[in-house]
C-alpha atoms as a PDB file:
ATOM      1  CA  MET A   1     -33.355   8.122  -3.813  1.00  0.00           C
ATOM      2  CA  LYS A   2     -31.595   5.299  -3.177  1.00  0.00           C
ATOM      3  CA  VAL A   3     -27.781   5.527  -4.118  1.00  0.00           C
ATOM      4  CA  ASP A   4     -25.894   2.127  -3.863  1.00  0.00           C
ATOM      5  CA  LYS A   5     -22.149   2.749  -2.771  1.00  0.00           C
ATOM      6  CA  ASN A   6     -19.488   0.696  -4.661  1.00  0.00           C
ATOM      7  CA  PRO A   7     -17.196  -1.369  -2.182  1.00  0.00           C
ATOM      8  CA  ILE A   8     -14.686  -1.183  -5.186  1.00  0.00           C
ATOM      9  CA  GLN A   9     -13.977   2.588  -4.228  1.00  0.00           C
ATOM     10  CA  LEU A  10     -13.008   2.117  -1.037  1.00  0.00           C
ATOM     11  CA  ILE A  11     -10.839  -0.962  -1.533  1.00  0.00           C
ATOM     12  CA  TRP A  12      -8.962   1.067  -4.280  1.00  0.00           C
ATOM     13  CA  GLY A  13      -8.298   3.481  -1.689  1.00  0.00           C
ATOM     14  CA  ILE A  14      -7.095   1.117   0.214  1.00  0.00           C
ATOM     15  CA  VAL A  15      -4.908  -0.021  -2.334  1.00  0.00           C
ATOM     16  CA  LEU A  16      -3.433   3.281  -3.397  1.00  0.00           C
ATOM     17  CA  SER A  17      -2.487   4.094   0.169  1.00  0.00           C
ATOM     18  CA  ILE A  18      -0.791   0.733   0.418  1.00  0.00           C
ATOM     19  CA  THR A  19       1.057   1.283  -2.656  1.00  0.00           C
ATOM     20  CA  GLY A  20       2.009   4.589  -1.294  1.00  0.00           C
ATOM     21  CA  VAL A  21       4.040   3.332   1.836  1.00  0.00           C
ATOM     22  CA  LEU A  22       5.723   0.435  -0.069  1.00  0.00           C
ATOM     23  CA  VAL A  23       6.804   2.682  -2.806  1.00  0.00           C
ATOM     24  CA  ILE A  24       8.589   5.080   0.649  1.00  0.00           C
ATOM     25  CA  LEU A  25       9.764   2.204   2.055  1.00  0.00           C
ATOM     26  CA  GLN A  26      11.387   1.264  -0.894  1.00  0.00           C
ATOM     27  CA  ILE A  27      13.190   3.935  -1.841  1.00  0.00           C
ATOM     28  CA  PRO A  28      16.510   3.360  -0.061  1.00  0.00           C
ATOM     29  CA  GLU A  29      16.872  -0.453  -0.943  1.00  0.00           C
ATOM     30  CA  LYS A  30      16.632   0.568  -4.232  1.00  0.00           C
ATOM     31  CA  PHE A  31      18.925   3.042  -4.644  1.00  0.00           C
ATOM     32  CA  ASN A  32      21.794   1.611  -2.692  1.00  0.00           C
ATOM     33  CA  GLN A  33      21.316  -1.403  -5.430  1.00  0.00           C
ATOM     34  CA  MET A  34      22.293   1.403  -8.146  1.00  0.00           C
ATOM     35  CA  GLY A  35      26.157   1.675  -6.862  1.00  0.00           C
ATOM     36  CA  ASP A  36      27.570   4.952  -7.052  1.00  0.00           C
ATOM     37  CA  ILE A  37      24.591   6.791  -8.995  1.00  0.00           C
ATOM     38  CA  GLY A  38      21.923   6.267  -7.098  1.00  0.00           C
ATOM     39  CA  PRO A  39      22.928   7.822  -3.533  1.00  0.00           C
ATOM     40  CA  ASN A  40      23.659  10.724  -5.356  1.00  0.00           C
ATOM     41  CA  ASN A  41      20.763  11.086  -7.231  1.00  0.00           C
ATOM     42  CA  ILE A  42      18.853  13.027  -4.800  1.00  0.00           C
ATOM     43  CA  PHE A  43      16.551  14.882  -7.129  1.00  0.00           C
ATOM     44  CA  ALA A  44      15.255  11.432  -8.798  1.00  0.00           C
ATOM     45  CA  LYS A  45      14.489  10.177  -4.827  1.00  0.00           C
ATOM     46  CA  ILE A  46      12.881  13.900  -4.150  1.00  0.00           C
ATOM     47  CA  CYS A  47      10.547  12.375  -7.363  1.00  0.00           C
ATOM     48  CA  PHE A  48      10.050   8.765  -5.772  1.00  0.00           C
ATOM     49  CA  TYR A  49       9.098  10.335  -2.272  1.00  0.00           C
ATOM     50  CA  GLY A  50       6.830  12.376  -4.227  1.00  0.00           C
ATOM     51  CA  LEU A  51       5.040  10.020  -5.633  1.00  0.00           C
ATOM     52  CA  GLY A  52       4.894   7.598  -2.533  1.00  0.00           C
ATOM     53  CA  VAL A  53       2.946  10.746  -0.723  1.00  0.00           C
ATOM     54  CA  LEU A  54       1.331  11.750  -3.456  1.00  0.00           C
ATOM     55  CA  LEU A  55      -0.582   8.283  -3.459  1.00  0.00           C
ATOM     56  CA  ILE A  56      -1.167   8.051   0.282  1.00  0.00           C
ATOM     57  CA  ALA A  57      -2.513  11.432   0.232  1.00  0.00           C
ATOM     58  CA  GLY A  58      -5.024  10.054  -2.756  1.00  0.00           C
ATOM     59  CA  GLY A  59      -5.778   6.897  -1.535  1.00  0.00           C
ATOM     60  CA  PHE A  60      -6.904   8.188   2.148  1.00  0.00           C
ATOM     61  CA  ARG A  61      -9.139  11.548   0.432  1.00  0.00           C
ATOM     62  CA  LYS A  62     -10.192   8.518  -1.616  1.00  0.00           C
ATOM     63  CA  VAL A  63     -11.298   6.455   2.271  1.00  0.00           C
ATOM     64  CA  ILE A  64     -12.612   9.584   3.688  1.00  0.00           C
ATOM     65  CA  ASN A  65     -15.096  10.261   0.700  1.00  0.00           C
ATOM     66  CA  GLU A  66     -16.219   7.282   0.741  1.00  0.00           C
ATOM     67  CA  PHE A  67     -17.015   7.419   4.566  1.00  0.00           C
ATOM     68  CA  LYS A  68     -18.490  10.409   4.227  1.00  0.00           C
ATOM     69  CA  SER A  69     -21.162   9.987   0.965  1.00  0.00           C
ATOM     70  CA  ASN A  70     -21.643   6.526   3.522  1.00  0.00           C
ATOM     71  CA  LYS A  71     -23.006   8.766   6.501  1.00  0.00           C
ATOM     72  CA  ASN A  72     -25.683  11.460   4.080  1.00  0.00           C
ATOM     73  CA  THR A  73     -26.951   8.182   2.329  1.00  0.00           C
ATOM     74  CA  PRO A  74     -30.760   7.631   3.781  1.00  0.00           C
ATOM     75  CA  SER A  75     -30.586   4.515   5.558  1.00  0.00           C
ATOM     76  CA  ILE A  76     -34.132   1.845   4.942  1.00  0.00           C
ATOM     77  CA  SER A  77     -35.459   3.291   8.442  1.00  0.00           C
ATOM     78  CA  ASP A  78     -35.658   7.113   6.794  1.00  0.00           C
ATOM     79  CA  ALA A  79     -37.762   6.710   4.072  1.00  0.00           C
END
């Protein structure tokens, strides 16, 4: 049984991970721009850091699953 893998899934996983890293890197700058409210709002910081971590973890999970599924697919020489 031949299974064609969709390269878009791999690209999507990479994009998710990069987006998570960029979210985490932008948090200090955005909260400093808020003025007096920003540095003291710990709950919002925790939420944004959590969002970034979830994006990174989801992207890595998708990439790892794509590589694992590529190992299990039969090649042309196996047929």
